[in-house]
Structures are given as structure tokens and as C-alpha cells.
Amino acid sequence: MAKIRNIGSVEKGIMQVLRILSEDEIYSTIGKKSSYLRKCSNPDLIQQIDHNDSIKLDLACIKKGKAPPLFTEHEYKVINEYNNTEHHKKNDIDEMLVKSTILHGKLTEVIKTAEDPLSDDGKKISKLEKKEIMKAIENLENKILKIKLTIDKK
């Protein structure tokens, strides 16, 4: 009898991988057969997939032009947990929008400074400047995610 996998479970993500990748693709990606993945996808068994294998399988799915199923299930589970935190429930959208505008301004400033001909490497962006830009992008992405989650709950 078919097992029902919960939404947001690694088991469900594995089942999607099995639909996307062939036996040969699975074996060439992680060095294991699809039977191993079927065991890992059974919620009644203790067999679990290795984290590094799950990343490799998601990357193989991406190379085939498909969304990464294990990452998607993991993200779903984490977001749902985050939605249930007290901190998240107290979020004010107007305040978050103001903060996101400030973060966008900081990102713009960091990029403009890095592209300035008088900066460290001139118009070429240095490694330190790239690090600062990536941090500013991450901060803005986190704020956008927070806004999305708050709006979704309203």
C-alpha cells in the first residue's frame, strides 16, 4: 500500500526526486540506487538521507530545469515553524516596509560606493566590497521574506 508523505517532509521531497531523476542519474549523482532513496522516503523506517546527498540530488534536479524538491520541502517546514513563533506574530507590516526601504537604500549605497572609480579597486568591485554587497542583499532578502510571511498570515 502506498505511504502518504507529509507536506514539508524530506520523505515527500525524496519521492519528487525519484520522479525527476532516472536510476542512472541518481546513481551517478550520489553513488546509490533508487532503492536506497525509496527506503529513505518511507516515514516508517529509520533510514535517512545524508544531507550532502540531498544537496547533490537537488543540484541534479536543477540541472534538469526542475525546482530542487528537497530544498523546497525543507524551506516549507522552516517557514511554517517561523510563522508560529511569537516574534513573527507581532510583526507590523508598516514598520517592516520602512525597514526594507532603509535596507534597500543601504544596498544601493554599498553598490554605488563599490562602483566608484575612487574605491579600493576603482570600477572593479573588490572581494571586500562583494562581501559587503552580499551581506546587504541578504539583509534585504530576509526583510522581504519576513514581509511575505506576515502578509501570508493576514
Protein backbone atom coordinates (compact mmCIF):
# COMPACT_ATOMS: atom_id res chain seq x y z
CA MET A 1 0.00 0.00 0.00
CA ALA A 2 1.27 3.47 -0.85
CA LYS A 3 2.60 5.55 2.03
CA ILE A 4 1.37 9.10 2.44
CA ARG A 5 4.18 11.60 2.92
CA ASN A 6 3.52 14.82 4.80
CA ILE A 7 3.91 18.16 3.07
CA GLY A 8 7.15 19.74 4.18
CA SER A 9 8.80 16.39 4.83
CA VAL A 10 12.09 15.15 3.48
CA GLU A 11 10.29 11.96 2.53
CA LYS A 12 7.98 13.86 0.18
CA GLY A 13 10.97 15.66 -1.35
CA ILE A 14 12.70 12.33 -1.96
CA MET A 15 9.63 11.00 -3.75
CA GLN A 16 9.72 14.03 -6.04
CA VAL A 17 13.41 13.40 -6.74
CA LEU A 18 12.52 9.83 -7.73
CA ARG A 19 10.03 11.20 -10.28
CA ILE A 20 12.51 13.72 -11.72
CA LEU A 21 15.74 11.71 -11.92
CA SER A 22 16.33 8.37 -13.60
CA GLU A 23 18.02 5.43 -11.91
CA ASP A 24 21.27 6.23 -13.76
CA GLU A 25 21.11 9.92 -12.85
CA ILE A 26 20.59 9.08 -9.17
CA TYR A 27 23.48 6.62 -9.18
CA SER A 28 25.86 9.00 -10.97
CA THR A 29 24.90 11.79 -8.56
CA ILE A 30 25.20 10.05 -5.17
CA GLY A 31 26.60 6.58 -5.94
CA LYS A 32 23.47 4.87 -4.60
CA LYS A 33 20.49 3.24 -6.28
CA SER A 34 16.91 4.46 -6.27
CA SER A 35 16.02 1.64 -3.84
CA TYR A 36 18.10 3.49 -1.21
CA LEU A 37 16.04 6.63 -1.83
CA ARG A 38 12.79 4.67 -1.58
CA LYS A 39 13.91 3.39 1.83
CA CYS A 40 14.77 6.93 2.89
CA SER A 41 11.36 8.13 1.69
CA ASN A 42 9.49 5.66 3.90
CA PRO A 43 8.42 7.59 7.02
CA ASP A 44 8.05 4.28 8.93
CA LEU A 45 11.74 3.33 8.53
CA ILE A 46 14.70 4.81 10.38
CA GLN A 47 16.78 5.10 7.19
CA GLN A 48 17.50 8.79 6.48
CA ILE A 49 19.20 10.53 3.59
CA ASP A 50 22.59 12.14 4.11
CA HIS A 51 22.48 15.94 3.94
CA ASN A 52 25.25 16.07 1.32
CA ASP A 53 23.37 13.55 -0.83
CA SER A 54 20.22 15.66 -0.63
CA ILE A 55 22.13 18.71 -1.83
CA LYS A 56 23.65 16.75 -4.73
CA LEU A 57 20.22 15.43 -5.73
CA ASP A 58 18.69 18.91 -5.63
CA LEU A 59 21.51 20.23 -7.82
CA ALA A 60 20.93 17.37 -10.28
CA CYS A 61 17.24 18.33 -10.43
CA ILE A 62 18.18 21.97 -11.06
CA LYS A 63 20.45 20.88 -13.92
CA LYS A 64 17.37 19.22 -15.46
CA GLY A 65 15.49 22.51 -15.20
CA LYS A 66 13.37 21.42 -12.23
CA ALA A 67 12.92 23.05 -8.82
CA PRO A 68 15.00 21.47 -6.03
CA PRO A 69 12.41 19.28 -4.23
CA LEU A 70 14.34 18.56 -1.04
CA PHE A 71 15.26 22.21 -0.56
CA THR A 72 11.66 23.24 -1.25
CA GLU A 73 10.29 20.82 1.36
CA HIS A 74 12.93 21.93 3.87
CA GLU A 75 12.14 25.59 3.24
CA TYR A 76 8.40 24.93 3.65
CA LYS A 77 8.96 23.28 7.03
CA VAL A 78 11.24 26.04 8.31
CA ILE A 79 8.90 28.82 7.15
CA ASN A 80 5.93 27.18 8.86
CA GLU A 81 7.86 26.92 12.11
CA TYR A 82 8.92 30.55 11.79
CA ASN A 83 5.30 31.57 11.20
CA ASN A 84 4.34 30.05 14.53
CA THR A 85 6.87 31.98 16.60
CA GLU A 86 5.61 34.75 18.87
CA HIS A 87 8.17 37.17 17.45
CA HIS A 88 6.72 36.71 13.97
CA LYS A 89 3.11 37.14 15.10
CA LYS A 90 3.87 40.61 16.49
CA ASN A 91 5.28 41.98 13.23
CA ASP A 92 3.89 45.28 11.96
CA ILE A 93 3.86 45.50 8.15
CA ASP A 94 4.27 49.29 8.03
CA GLU A 95 7.34 49.08 10.25
CA MET A 96 8.78 46.28 8.12
CA LEU A 97 8.23 48.28 4.93
CA VAL A 98 10.10 51.24 6.40
CA LYS A 99 12.97 48.96 7.44
CA SER A 100 13.04 47.33 3.99
CA THR A 101 13.28 50.78 2.38
CA ILE A 102 16.21 51.60 4.65
CA LEU A 103 17.89 48.28 3.79
CA HIS A 104 17.34 48.92 0.07
CA GLY A 105 18.97 52.33 0.49
CA LYS A 106 21.96 50.72 2.25
CA LEU A 107 22.29 48.18 -0.58
CA THR A 108 22.20 50.96 -3.17
CA GLU A 109 24.80 52.93 -1.22
CA VAL A 110 27.15 49.93 -0.90
CA ILE A 111 26.90 49.18 -4.62
CA LYS A 112 27.40 52.81 -5.69
CA THR A 113 30.40 53.11 -3.36
CA ALA A 114 31.92 49.90 -4.74
CA GLU A 115 31.47 51.08 -8.35
CA ASP A 116 33.01 54.47 -7.62
CA PRO A 117 36.24 54.97 -9.58
CA LEU A 118 37.85 56.20 -6.33
CA SER A 119 37.00 52.99 -4.42
CA ASP A 120 39.54 50.27 -3.48
CA ASP A 121 39.74 48.67 -6.93
CA GLY A 122 38.25 51.54 -8.91
CA LYS A 123 35.27 50.50 -11.04
CA LYS A 124 36.15 46.84 -10.44
CA ILE A 125 34.44 45.51 -7.30
CA SER A 126 36.93 44.14 -4.72
CA LYS A 127 36.38 40.97 -2.68
CA LEU A 128 35.67 43.00 0.45
CA GLU A 129 33.15 45.14 -1.43
CA LYS A 130 31.48 41.99 -2.82
CA LYS A 131 31.21 40.66 0.73
CA GLU A 132 29.57 43.91 1.88
CA ILE A 133 27.17 43.86 -1.09
CA MET A 134 26.21 40.23 -0.45
CA LYS A 135 25.55 41.00 3.23
CA ALA A 136 23.34 43.97 2.26
CA ILE A 137 21.44 41.75 -0.21
CA GLU A 138 20.99 39.05 2.44
CA ASN A 139 19.63 41.59 4.92
CA LEU A 140 17.14 42.89 2.36
CA GLU A 141 16.12 39.34 1.34
CA ASN A 142 15.49 38.44 4.97
CA LYS A 143 13.29 41.50 5.41
CA ILE A 144 11.35 40.71 2.21
CA LEU A 145 10.80 37.14 3.42
CA LYS A 146 9.53 38.47 6.73
CA ILE A 147 7.08 40.76 4.90
CA LYS A 148 5.89 37.89 2.69
CA LEU A 149 5.30 35.62 5.66
CA THR A 150 3.46 38.30 7.61
CA ILE A 151 1.21 39.16 4.66
CA ASP A 152 0.53 35.47 4.07
CA LYS A 153 -0.74 35.12 7.64
CA LYS A 154 -3.19 38.06 7.35
